Every structure is written in structure tokens, then in C-alpha cells.
């Protein structure tokens, strides 16, 4: 039976590979032996509105800069 490691905040669990998708939906990230994220969670998380707005603003700036560079 294959076992994978998942992490949510400071909780690390060893779960069967067959249950990995369920844990990803619950907000767990799949990690390797060194703790590096292999697959990010696909659900179960919320992003604060301030953080979301900051990312949207950065994205708009990046798009504007890219368009400016393409014109050259």
C-alpha cells in the first residue's frame, strides 16, 4: 500500500495514496520527505480579502508591464 504525506498548517499525516484526493479537497497539501509541497490543496481553504486584492493589484501591474514591453 502506497502512503503519502500531507500537511495542513502544522499537522502532518501519512495517508494512503487512494485517499489523497479527499485530503487535497479538505485543504491539505501533499509534501515530500523534506516538507516541500508537491501538490497544493484543491479546496478547504479561504483567502482573506485583503490578500486577494493585493494579488489582483500585482497581477494588473504585471499585465500592464507585459503589454508595455510587447509594444517595444
N, C-alpha and C. Protein backbone atom coordinates (compact mmCIF):
# COMPACT_ATOMS: atom_id res chain seq x y z
N UNK A 1 0.85 -1.18 0.00
CA UNK A 1 0.00 0.00 0.00
C UNK A 1 0.89 1.24 0.00
N UNK A 2 0.65 2.14 -0.96
CA UNK A 2 1.42 3.38 -1.04
C UNK A 2 0.90 4.37 0.00
N UNK A 3 1.84 5.03 0.66
CA UNK A 3 1.50 6.04 1.66
C UNK A 3 2.13 7.36 1.25
N UNK A 4 1.37 8.45 1.37
CA UNK A 4 1.88 9.78 1.05
C UNK A 4 1.74 10.67 2.28
N UNK A 5 2.56 11.72 2.32
CA UNK A 5 2.50 12.67 3.42
C UNK A 5 1.69 13.88 2.99
N UNK A 6 0.83 14.35 3.90
CA UNK A 6 0.05 15.56 3.66
C UNK A 6 0.21 16.49 4.86
N UNK A 7 0.07 17.81 4.60
CA UNK A 7 0.23 18.79 5.67
C UNK A 7 -0.86 19.85 5.57
N UNK A 8 -1.38 20.21 6.71
CA UNK A 8 -2.32 21.33 6.82
C UNK A 8 -1.89 22.10 8.06
N UNK A 9 -1.40 23.32 7.84
CA UNK A 9 -0.82 24.15 8.89
C UNK A 9 0.33 23.38 9.54
N UNK A 10 0.25 23.02 10.81
CA UNK A 10 1.36 22.31 11.43
C UNK A 10 1.09 20.82 11.60
N UNK A 11 0.01 20.31 11.05
CA UNK A 11 -0.36 18.90 11.16
C UNK A 11 0.16 18.15 9.94
N UNK A 12 0.95 17.10 10.16
CA UNK A 12 1.47 16.26 9.08
C UNK A 12 0.94 14.85 9.30
N UNK A 13 0.35 14.28 8.25
CA UNK A 13 -0.23 12.95 8.33
C UNK A 13 0.33 12.06 7.23
N UNK A 14 0.40 10.76 7.50
CA UNK A 14 0.69 9.76 6.48
C UNK A 14 -0.64 9.12 6.11
N UNK A 15 -1.03 9.24 4.85
CA UNK A 15 -2.33 8.73 4.41
C UNK A 15 -2.14 7.81 3.21
N UNK A 16 -3.06 6.86 3.01
CA UNK A 16 -2.99 6.01 1.83
C UNK A 16 -3.13 6.85 0.55
N UNK A 17 -2.40 6.48 -0.48
CA UNK A 17 -2.44 7.22 -1.74
C UNK A 17 -3.86 7.25 -2.32
N UNK A 18 -4.64 6.22 -2.03
CA UNK A 18 -6.01 6.17 -2.54
C UNK A 18 -6.90 7.26 -1.93
N UNK A 19 -6.51 7.81 -0.79
CA UNK A 19 -7.30 8.85 -0.11
C UNK A 19 -6.74 10.25 -0.33
N UNK A 20 -5.67 10.37 -1.13
CA UNK A 20 -5.01 11.65 -1.33
C UNK A 20 -5.96 12.73 -1.84
N UNK A 21 -6.76 12.43 -2.83
CA UNK A 21 -7.67 13.42 -3.41
C UNK A 21 -8.63 13.97 -2.36
N UNK A 22 -9.11 13.12 -1.48
CA UNK A 22 -10.02 13.56 -0.42
C UNK A 22 -9.32 14.55 0.51
N UNK A 23 -8.06 14.27 0.84
CA UNK A 23 -7.32 15.17 1.72
C UNK A 23 -7.00 16.49 1.02
N UNK A 24 -6.71 16.45 -0.27
CA UNK A 24 -6.47 17.69 -1.02
C UNK A 24 -7.73 18.56 -1.01
N UNK A 25 -8.89 17.93 -1.12
CA UNK A 25 -10.17 18.66 -1.09
C UNK A 25 -10.42 19.28 0.28
N UNK A 26 -9.85 18.69 1.33
CA UNK A 26 -10.05 19.18 2.70
C UNK A 26 -9.04 20.26 3.09
N UNK A 27 -8.15 20.63 2.16
CA UNK A 27 -7.21 21.71 2.44
C UNK A 27 -5.81 21.27 2.81
N UNK A 28 -5.50 20.00 2.65
CA UNK A 28 -4.15 19.50 2.93
C UNK A 28 -3.29 19.62 1.67
N UNK A 29 -1.99 19.92 1.84
CA UNK A 29 -1.02 19.92 0.75
C UNK A 29 -0.27 18.60 0.80
N UNK A 30 0.03 18.02 -0.36
CA UNK A 30 0.89 16.83 -0.40
C UNK A 30 2.33 17.31 -0.32
N UNK A 31 3.14 16.69 0.54
CA UNK A 31 4.53 17.10 0.71
C UNK A 31 5.45 15.91 0.52
N UNK A 32 6.75 16.21 0.26
CA UNK A 32 7.74 15.14 0.15
C UNK A 32 8.38 14.93 1.52
N UNK A 33 9.40 14.08 1.57
CA UNK A 33 10.06 13.76 2.84
C UNK A 33 10.73 14.97 3.48
N UNK A 34 11.11 15.96 2.68
CA UNK A 34 11.78 17.15 3.21
C UNK A 34 10.79 18.26 3.57
N UNK A 35 9.50 18.03 3.32
CA UNK A 35 8.49 19.03 3.65
C UNK A 35 8.14 19.97 2.53
N UNK A 36 8.72 19.76 1.34
CA UNK A 36 8.44 20.61 0.18
C UNK A 36 7.08 20.21 -0.42
N UNK A 37 6.28 21.20 -0.77
CA UNK A 37 4.95 20.95 -1.31
C UNK A 37 5.06 20.37 -2.72
N UNK A 38 4.42 19.22 -2.92
CA UNK A 38 4.39 18.56 -4.23
C UNK A 38 3.11 18.97 -4.96
N UNK A 39 1.98 18.88 -4.27
CA UNK A 39 0.68 19.28 -4.83
C UNK A 39 -0.04 20.13 -3.80
N UNK A 40 -0.57 21.25 -4.25
CA UNK A 40 -1.30 22.15 -3.36
C UNK A 40 -2.74 21.67 -3.17
N UNK A 41 -3.32 22.08 -2.07
CA UNK A 41 -4.71 21.74 -1.76
C UNK A 41 -5.63 22.28 -2.84
N UNK A 42 -6.71 21.56 -3.09
CA UNK A 42 -7.67 21.99 -4.11
C UNK A 42 -8.95 22.52 -3.50
N UNK A 43 -9.05 22.53 -2.20
CA UNK A 43 -10.25 23.03 -1.53
C UNK A 43 -10.00 23.18 -0.05
N UNK A 44 -11.04 23.59 0.67
CA UNK A 44 -10.95 23.67 2.11
C UNK A 44 -10.17 24.85 2.66
N UNK A 45 -9.88 25.83 1.83
CA UNK A 45 -9.13 27.00 2.30
C UNK A 45 -9.84 28.26 1.87
N UNK A 46 -9.64 29.30 2.65
CA UNK A 46 -10.16 30.62 2.29
C UNK A 46 -9.00 31.60 2.28
N UNK A 47 -9.12 32.61 1.45
CA UNK A 47 -8.08 33.64 1.35
C UNK A 47 -8.69 34.94 1.86
N UNK A 48 -8.01 35.63 2.77
CA UNK A 48 -8.52 36.92 3.24
C UNK A 48 -8.67 37.90 2.08
N UNK A 49 -9.70 38.72 2.14
CA UNK A 49 -9.99 39.66 1.06
C UNK A 49 -8.83 40.61 0.80
N UNK A 50 -8.15 41.06 1.84
CA UNK A 50 -7.01 41.97 1.67
C UNK A 50 -5.90 41.30 0.86
N UNK A 51 -5.64 40.03 1.15
CA UNK A 51 -4.60 39.29 0.42
C UNK A 51 -5.01 39.10 -1.04
N UNK A 52 -6.28 38.77 -1.27
CA UNK A 52 -6.79 38.59 -2.62
C UNK A 52 -6.65 39.89 -3.42
N UNK A 53 -7.06 41.00 -2.82
CA UNK A 53 -6.97 42.30 -3.51
C UNK A 53 -5.53 42.65 -3.84
N UNK A 54 -4.61 42.33 -2.95
CA UNK A 54 -3.19 42.60 -3.19
C UNK A 54 -2.70 41.80 -4.41
N UNK A 55 -3.09 40.55 -4.49
CA UNK A 55 -2.67 39.70 -5.61
C UNK A 55 -3.28 40.21 -6.91
N UNK A 56 -4.54 40.62 -6.88
CA UNK A 56 -5.19 41.16 -8.08
C UNK A 56 -4.47 42.41 -8.55
N UNK A 57 -4.10 43.27 -7.61
CA UNK A 57 -3.38 44.50 -7.95
C UNK A 57 -2.02 44.19 -8.58
N UNK A 58 -1.30 43.23 -8.01
CA UNK A 58 0.00 42.83 -8.56
C UNK A 58 -0.16 42.25 -9.96
N UNK A 59 -1.21 41.47 -10.17
CA UNK A 59 -1.47 40.88 -11.48
C UNK A 59 -1.75 41.96 -12.51
N UNK A 60 -2.54 42.95 -12.15
CA UNK A 60 -2.84 44.04 -13.09
C UNK A 60 -1.58 44.81 -13.45
N UNK A 61 -0.71 45.06 -12.47
CA UNK A 61 0.55 45.75 -12.74
C UNK A 61 1.43 44.92 -13.67
N UNK A 62 1.49 43.62 -13.43
CA UNK A 62 2.31 42.74 -14.26
C UNK A 62 1.78 42.70 -15.70
N UNK A 63 0.47 42.64 -15.85
CA UNK A 63 -0.12 42.63 -17.20
C UNK A 63 0.18 43.94 -17.93
N UNK A 64 0.08 45.06 -17.22
CA UNK A 64 0.37 46.37 -17.83
C UNK A 64 1.83 46.44 -18.25
N UNK A 65 2.73 45.96 -17.41
CA UNK A 65 4.15 45.98 -17.73
C UNK A 65 4.45 45.07 -18.93
N UNK A 66 3.81 43.91 -18.97
CA UNK A 66 4.00 42.99 -20.09
C UNK A 66 3.51 43.62 -21.40
N UNK A 67 2.35 44.26 -21.35
CA UNK A 67 1.82 44.91 -22.55
C UNK A 67 2.76 46.02 -23.01
N UNK A 68 3.32 46.76 -22.07
CA UNK A 68 4.26 47.84 -22.38
C UNK A 68 5.52 47.28 -23.04
N UNK A 69 6.01 46.15 -22.54
CA UNK A 69 7.22 45.54 -23.11
C UNK A 69 6.96 44.95 -24.49
N UNK A 70 5.75 44.45 -24.73
CA UNK A 70 5.42 43.88 -26.03
C UNK A 70 5.34 44.95 -27.11
N UNK A 71 5.01 46.18 -26.73
CA UNK A 71 4.91 47.28 -27.69
C UNK A 71 6.27 47.68 -28.24
N UNK A 72 7.32 47.44 -27.48
CA UNK A 72 8.66 47.86 -27.91
C UNK A 72 9.17 47.06 -29.06
